[in-house]
């Protein structure tokens, strides 16, 4: 900004005549207008940056809560299948062990992230 002010100052006439004084005021007015525009642009850019950061933060919070909930549910289901398998082992019930293993295998094969596109 100082370079711009010096440039404008160097364009001012050295000897002041009435017409020169008028031109000097015109140049100073132009400089003020350019400075106001650049300040306005900076404020707009800062506002846009704040809005973008708020949007990113909101989306991050949403996905963090979503993933925590999805994986907490999968953890609970997985633990349930292991309880079934353990019970089948204790009772020497092969059908119960196989049912628990089969269900656990199906759960592991599926991904909770496959439906993520539908959330977008």
N, C-alpha and C. Protein backbone atom coordinates (compact mmCIF):
# COMPACT_ATOMS: atom_id res chain seq x y z
N UNK A 1 0.83 -1.19 0.00
CA UNK A 1 0.00 0.00 0.00
C UNK A 1 0.87 1.24 0.00
N UNK A 2 2.01 1.21 0.68
CA UNK A 2 2.91 2.36 0.71
C UNK A 2 3.47 2.64 -0.67
N UNK A 3 3.75 1.58 -1.44
CA UNK A 3 4.25 1.78 -2.80
C UNK A 3 3.23 2.53 -3.63
N UNK A 4 1.98 2.16 -3.48
CA UNK A 4 0.90 2.81 -4.23
C UNK A 4 0.79 4.27 -3.83
N UNK A 5 0.91 4.55 -2.53
CA UNK A 5 0.83 5.94 -2.06
C UNK A 5 2.01 6.74 -2.61
N UNK A 6 3.20 6.16 -2.61
CA UNK A 6 4.37 6.86 -3.14
C UNK A 6 4.21 7.11 -4.63
N UNK A 7 3.67 6.12 -5.35
CA UNK A 7 3.45 6.29 -6.79
C UNK A 7 2.48 7.44 -7.04
N UNK A 8 1.41 7.47 -6.27
CA UNK A 8 0.44 8.56 -6.43
C UNK A 8 1.08 9.90 -6.08
N UNK A 9 1.88 9.92 -5.02
CA UNK A 9 2.55 11.15 -4.61
C UNK A 9 3.51 11.63 -5.69
N UNK A 10 4.24 10.72 -6.32
CA UNK A 10 5.20 11.10 -7.36
C UNK A 10 4.50 11.66 -8.59
N UNK A 11 3.24 11.31 -8.76
CA UNK A 11 2.48 11.84 -9.90
C UNK A 11 1.95 13.24 -9.65
N UNK A 12 2.04 13.70 -8.40
CA UNK A 12 1.58 15.06 -8.09
C UNK A 12 2.53 16.08 -8.70
N UNK A 13 2.01 17.19 -9.18
CA UNK A 13 2.88 18.22 -9.78
C UNK A 13 3.78 18.87 -8.72
N UNK A 14 4.97 19.33 -9.15
CA UNK A 14 5.92 19.96 -8.21
C UNK A 14 5.55 21.41 -7.95
N UNK A 15 5.12 22.12 -8.98
CA UNK A 15 4.65 23.49 -8.82
C UNK A 15 3.13 23.46 -8.83
N UNK A 16 2.56 24.11 -7.87
CA UNK A 16 1.10 24.05 -7.74
C UNK A 16 0.46 25.25 -8.44
N UNK A 17 -0.28 24.96 -9.49
CA UNK A 17 -1.12 25.93 -10.17
C UNK A 17 -2.55 25.52 -9.87
N UNK A 18 -3.50 26.34 -10.17
CA UNK A 18 -4.89 26.00 -9.89
C UNK A 18 -5.27 24.69 -10.59
N UNK A 19 -4.97 24.57 -11.84
CA UNK A 19 -5.32 23.35 -12.57
C UNK A 19 -4.56 22.15 -11.99
N UNK A 20 -3.30 22.41 -11.56
CA UNK A 20 -2.52 21.34 -10.96
C UNK A 20 -3.11 20.91 -9.61
N UNK A 21 -3.57 21.89 -8.84
CA UNK A 21 -4.17 21.58 -7.54
C UNK A 21 -5.43 20.73 -7.73
N UNK A 22 -6.21 21.10 -8.73
CA UNK A 22 -7.41 20.30 -9.02
C UNK A 22 -7.04 18.87 -9.40
N UNK A 23 -5.98 18.74 -10.23
CA UNK A 23 -5.52 17.40 -10.63
C UNK A 23 -5.00 16.64 -9.43
N UNK A 24 -4.32 17.32 -8.51
CA UNK A 24 -3.80 16.67 -7.31
C UNK A 24 -4.95 16.12 -6.47
N UNK A 25 -6.01 16.90 -6.33
CA UNK A 25 -7.17 16.42 -5.56
C UNK A 25 -7.85 15.23 -6.26
N UNK A 26 -7.87 15.28 -7.59
CA UNK A 26 -8.43 14.15 -8.32
C UNK A 26 -7.61 12.88 -8.06
N UNK A 27 -6.27 13.03 -8.11
CA UNK A 27 -5.42 11.87 -7.86
C UNK A 27 -5.58 11.34 -6.43
N UNK A 28 -5.66 12.24 -5.48
CA UNK A 28 -5.86 11.81 -4.09
C UNK A 28 -7.21 11.13 -3.91
N UNK A 29 -8.21 11.64 -4.60
CA UNK A 29 -9.54 11.03 -4.53
C UNK A 29 -9.50 9.62 -5.14
N UNK A 30 -8.80 9.47 -6.27
CA UNK A 30 -8.66 8.14 -6.89
C UNK A 30 -7.97 7.17 -5.94
N UNK A 31 -6.91 7.65 -5.29
CA UNK A 31 -6.17 6.80 -4.35
C UNK A 31 -7.08 6.35 -3.21
N UNK A 32 -7.88 7.28 -2.67
CA UNK A 32 -8.80 6.93 -1.58
C UNK A 32 -9.82 5.89 -2.04
N UNK A 33 -10.35 6.07 -3.24
CA UNK A 33 -11.33 5.12 -3.77
C UNK A 33 -10.72 3.73 -3.97
N UNK A 34 -9.49 3.70 -4.52
CA UNK A 34 -8.82 2.41 -4.72
C UNK A 34 -8.55 1.75 -3.38
N UNK A 35 -8.16 2.53 -2.39
CA UNK A 35 -7.88 1.98 -1.06
C UNK A 35 -9.15 1.42 -0.43
N UNK A 36 -10.27 2.14 -0.59
CA UNK A 36 -11.55 1.65 -0.05
C UNK A 36 -11.96 0.35 -0.73
N UNK A 37 -11.75 0.26 -2.05
CA UNK A 37 -12.10 -0.96 -2.77
C UNK A 37 -11.26 -2.13 -2.30
N UNK A 38 -9.96 -1.91 -2.11
CA UNK A 38 -9.11 -3.01 -1.68
C UNK A 38 -9.47 -3.45 -0.27
N UNK A 39 -9.82 -2.51 0.61
CA UNK A 39 -10.24 -2.86 1.96
C UNK A 39 -11.54 -3.66 1.91
N UNK A 40 -12.45 -3.23 1.06
CA UNK A 40 -13.72 -3.94 0.92
C UNK A 40 -13.48 -5.35 0.40
N UNK A 41 -12.59 -5.50 -0.56
CA UNK A 41 -12.27 -6.83 -1.10
C UNK A 41 -11.66 -7.72 -0.03
N UNK A 42 -10.79 -7.15 0.80
CA UNK A 42 -10.17 -7.92 1.88
C UNK A 42 -11.23 -8.38 2.87
N UNK A 43 -12.16 -7.49 3.20
CA UNK A 43 -13.22 -7.85 4.14
C UNK A 43 -14.11 -8.95 3.56
N UNK A 44 -14.41 -8.86 2.26
CA UNK A 44 -15.22 -9.89 1.61
C UNK A 44 -14.48 -11.23 1.63
N UNK A 45 -13.19 -11.18 1.32
CA UNK A 45 -12.40 -12.41 1.31
C UNK A 45 -12.35 -13.03 2.70
N UNK A 46 -12.21 -12.19 3.72
CA UNK A 46 -12.17 -12.70 5.11
C UNK A 46 -13.51 -13.31 5.49
N UNK A 47 -14.60 -12.68 5.07
CA UNK A 47 -15.93 -13.21 5.35
C UNK A 47 -16.13 -14.55 4.65
N UNK A 48 -15.72 -14.63 3.38
CA UNK A 48 -15.84 -15.89 2.65
C UNK A 48 -15.00 -16.98 3.30
N UNK A 49 -13.82 -16.62 3.77
CA UNK A 49 -12.96 -17.60 4.45
C UNK A 49 -13.63 -18.11 5.72
N UNK A 50 -14.21 -17.21 6.50
CA UNK A 50 -14.89 -17.61 7.73
C UNK A 50 -16.08 -18.51 7.43
N UNK A 51 -16.84 -18.19 6.39
CA UNK A 51 -17.98 -19.02 6.01
C UNK A 51 -17.52 -20.42 5.57
N UNK A 52 -16.45 -20.48 4.79
CA UNK A 52 -15.93 -21.77 4.35
C UNK A 52 -15.45 -22.60 5.53
N UNK A 53 -14.75 -21.97 6.46
CA UNK A 53 -14.28 -22.70 7.65
C UNK A 53 -15.44 -23.20 8.50
N UNK A 54 -16.48 -22.39 8.62
CA UNK A 54 -17.66 -22.81 9.38
C UNK A 54 -18.32 -24.02 8.72
N UNK A 55 -18.42 -24.01 7.40
CA UNK A 55 -19.02 -25.12 6.66
C UNK A 55 -18.19 -26.39 6.82
N UNK A 56 -16.88 -26.26 6.71
CA UNK A 56 -15.99 -27.42 6.87
C UNK A 56 -16.12 -27.99 8.28
N UNK A 57 -16.14 -27.12 9.28
CA UNK A 57 -16.26 -27.55 10.67
C UNK A 57 -17.59 -28.27 10.90
N UNK A 58 -18.66 -27.72 10.34
CA UNK A 58 -19.98 -28.34 10.49
C UNK A 58 -20.00 -29.73 9.87
N UNK A 59 -19.45 -29.86 8.67
CA UNK A 59 -19.42 -31.17 8.01
C UNK A 59 -18.53 -32.15 8.78
N UNK A 60 -17.40 -31.68 9.27
CA UNK A 60 -16.50 -32.55 10.04
C UNK A 60 -17.22 -33.08 11.27
N UNK A 61 -17.88 -32.19 12.00
CA UNK A 61 -18.61 -32.61 13.21
C UNK A 61 -19.69 -33.65 12.87
N UNK A 62 -20.40 -33.41 11.78
CA UNK A 62 -21.46 -34.35 11.37
C UNK A 62 -20.88 -35.72 11.08
N UNK A 63 -19.84 -35.78 10.24
CA UNK A 63 -19.26 -37.08 9.87
C UNK A 63 -18.59 -37.76 11.05
N UNK A 64 -17.99 -36.99 11.93
CA UNK A 64 -17.37 -37.59 13.11
C UNK A 64 -18.43 -38.28 13.98
N UNK A 65 -19.55 -37.61 14.20
CA UNK A 65 -20.63 -38.21 14.99
C UNK A 65 -21.24 -39.42 14.25
N UNK A 66 -21.41 -39.30 12.95
CA UNK A 66 -21.97 -40.39 12.15
C UNK A 66 -21.08 -41.63 12.22
N UNK A 67 -19.78 -41.47 11.99
CA UNK A 67 -18.87 -42.62 12.04
C UNK A 67 -18.80 -43.21 13.44
N UNK A 68 -18.80 -42.36 14.45
CA UNK A 68 -18.76 -42.88 15.83
C UNK A 68 -19.99 -43.75 16.09
N UNK A 69 -21.16 -43.28 15.64
CA UNK A 69 -22.39 -44.04 15.86
C UNK A 69 -22.39 -45.34 15.06
N UNK A 70 -22.00 -45.28 13.79
CA UNK A 70 -21.99 -46.48 12.95
C UNK A 70 -21.03 -47.53 13.50
N UNK A 71 -19.83 -47.11 13.85
CA UNK A 71 -18.86 -48.09 14.32
C UNK A 71 -19.15 -48.57 15.74
N UNK A 72 -19.81 -47.74 16.54
CA UNK A 72 -20.22 -48.21 17.87
C UNK A 72 -21.28 -49.30 17.72
N UNK A 73 -22.18 -49.12 16.78
CA UNK A 73 -23.21 -50.13 16.52
C UNK A 73 -22.57 -51.43 16.02
N UNK A 74 -21.63 -51.31 15.09
CA UNK A 74 -20.94 -52.52 14.58
C UNK A 74 -20.17 -53.22 15.69
N UNK A 75 -19.57 -52.45 16.58
CA UNK A 75 -18.83 -53.05 17.70
C UNK A 75 -19.79 -53.85 18.58
N UNK A 76 -20.94 -53.27 18.88
CA UNK A 76 -21.92 -53.96 19.73
C UNK A 76 -22.41 -55.25 19.05
N UNK A 77 -22.66 -55.18 17.75
CA UNK A 77 -23.12 -56.36 17.02
C UNK A 77 -22.03 -57.44 17.00
N UNK A 78 -20.79 -57.00 16.74
CA UNK A 78 -19.66 -57.94 16.73
C UNK A 78 -19.51 -58.63 18.08
N UNK A 79 -19.60 -57.86 19.14
CA UNK A 79 -19.50 -58.45 20.49
C UNK A 79 -20.62 -59.45 20.74
N UNK A 80 -21.80 -59.15 20.22
CA UNK A 80 -22.94 -60.07 20.35
C UNK A 80 -22.67 -61.40 19.65
N UNK A 81 -22.10 -61.32 18.44
CA UNK A 81 -21.78 -62.56 17.72
C UNK A 81 -20.71 -63.37 18.46
N UNK A 82 -19.73 -62.68 19.03
CA UNK A 82 -18.71 -63.40 19.80
C UNK A 82 -19.30 -64.05 21.05
N UNK A 83 -20.29 -63.40 21.66
CA UNK A 83 -20.96 -64.03 22.81
C UNK A 83 -21.69 -65.29 22.38
N UNK A 84 -22.31 -65.24 21.20
CA UNK A 84 -23.00 -66.44 20.67
C UNK A 84 -21.99 -67.55 20.41
N UNK A 85 -20.86 -67.18 19.80
CA UNK A 85 -19.81 -68.19 19.52
C UNK A 85 -19.29 -68.78 20.84
N UNK A 86 -19.01 -67.92 21.81
CA UNK A 86 -18.53 -68.40 23.12
C UNK A 86 -19.56 -69.32 23.78
N UNK A 87 -20.81 -68.94 23.70
CA UNK A 87 -21.86 -69.78 24.28
C UNK A 87 -21.91 -71.14 23.58
N UNK A 88 -21.81 -71.14 22.26
CA UNK A 88 -21.81 -72.40 21.50
C UNK A 88 -20.62 -73.27 21.88
N UNK A 89 -19.47 -72.64 22.12
CA UNK A 89 -18.29 -73.42 22.52
C UNK A 89 -18.50 -74.01 23.91
N UNK A 90 -19.02 -73.19 24.85
CA UNK A 90 -19.26 -73.68 26.21
C UNK A 90 -20.25 -74.84 26.21
N UNK A 91 -21.29 -74.72 25.40
CA UNK A 91 -22.34 -75.74 25.36
C UNK A 91 -22.02 -76.86 24.38
N UNK A 92 -20.87 -76.75 23.71
CA UNK A 92 -20.49 -77.75 22.69
C UNK A 92 -21.58 -77.88 21.62
N UNK A 93 -22.13 -76.73 21.24
CA UNK A 93 -23.20 -76.66 20.26
C UNK A 93 -22.61 -76.12 18.94
N UNK A 94 -22.28 -77.05 18.04
CA UNK A 94 -21.65 -76.66 16.78
C UNK A 94 -22.54 -75.77 15.92
N UNK A 95 -23.84 -76.01 15.96
CA UNK A 95 -24.76 -75.18 15.17
C UNK A 95 -24.74 -73.72 15.64
N UNK A 96 -24.68 -73.53 16.94
CA UNK A 96 -24.63 -72.17 17.49
C UNK A 96 -23.30 -71.49 17.12
N UNK A 97 -22.21 -72.23 17.21
CA UNK A 97 -20.88 -71.68 16.84
C UNK A 97 -20.88 -71.30 15.37
N UNK A 98 -21.39 -72.20 14.52
CA UNK A 98 -21.42 -71.92 13.08
C UNK A 98 -22.33 -70.74 12.74
N UNK A 99 -23.46 -70.64 13.42
CA UNK A 99 -24.37 -69.52 13.19
C UNK A 99 -23.69 -68.20 13.58
N UNK A 100 -22.99 -68.19 14.71
CA UNK A 100 -22.28 -66.98 15.16
C UNK A 100 -21.16 -66.62 14.20
N UNK A 101 -20.38 -67.64 13.76
CA UNK A 101 -19.30 -67.39 12.81
C UNK A 101 -19.81 -66.90 11.46
N UNK A 102 -20.89 -67.49 11.00
CA UNK A 102 -21.47 -67.08 9.72
C UNK A 102 -21.96 -65.63 9.77
N UNK A 103 -22.66 -65.31 10.85
CA UNK A 103 -23.16 -63.94 11.00
C UNK A 103 -22.02 -62.94 11.13
N UNK A 104 -20.98 -63.33 11.89
CA UNK A 104 -19.82 -62.47 12.05
C UNK A 104 -19.11 -62.27 10.71
N UNK A 105 -19.01 -63.33 9.93
CA UNK A 105 -18.38 -63.25 8.61
C UNK A 105 -19.16 -62.31 7.69
N UNK A 106 -20.48 -62.42 7.72
CA UNK A 106 -21.31 -61.53 6.89
C UNK A 106 -21.12 -60.07 7.30
N UNK A 107 -21.02 -59.82 8.59
CA UNK A 107 -20.83 -58.46 9.08
C UNK A 107 -19.48 -57.91 8.64
N UNK A 108 -18.45 -58.73 8.75
CA UNK A 108 -17.10 -58.30 8.37
C UNK A 108 -17.02 -58.05 6.87
N UNK A 109 -17.72 -58.85 6.08
CA UNK A 109 -17.72 -58.66 4.62
C UNK A 109 -18.40 -57.37 4.20
N UNK A 110 -19.38 -56.95 4.96
CA UNK A 110 -20.09 -55.72 4.59
C UNK A 110 -19.33 -54.51 5.15
N UNK A 111 -19.44 -53.41 4.44
CA UNK A 111 -18.76 -52.20 4.89
C UNK A 111 -19.81 -51.13 5.22
N UNK A 112 -19.69 -50.49 6.36
CA UNK A 112 -20.64 -49.43 6.69
C UNK A 112 -20.43 -48.20 5.81
N UNK A 113 -19.33 -48.15 5.10
CA UNK A 113 -19.03 -46.98 4.29
C UNK A 113 -19.62 -47.07 2.88
N UNK A 114 -20.18 -48.23 2.51
CA UNK A 114 -20.75 -48.38 1.16
C UNK A 114 -21.95 -47.47 0.96
N UNK A 115 -22.66 -47.17 2.00
CA UNK A 115 -23.83 -46.30 1.87
C UNK A 115 -23.48 -44.84 2.11
N UNK A 116 -22.22 -44.52 2.20
CA UNK A 116 -21.79 -43.14 2.46
C UNK A 116 -22.20 -42.19 1.34
N UNK A 117 -22.18 -42.65 0.10
CA UNK A 117 -22.57 -41.80 -1.03
C UNK A 117 -24.01 -41.32 -0.90
N UNK A 118 -24.86 -42.15 -0.34
CA UNK A 118 -26.27 -41.74 -0.19
C UNK A 118 -26.43 -40.64 0.84
N UNK A 119 -25.48 -40.51 1.75
CA UNK A 119 -25.54 -39.47 2.78
C UNK A 119 -25.24 -38.11 2.18
N UNK A 120 -24.33 -38.09 1.22
CA UNK A 120 -23.94 -36.83 0.59
C UNK A 120 -25.12 -36.18 -0.05
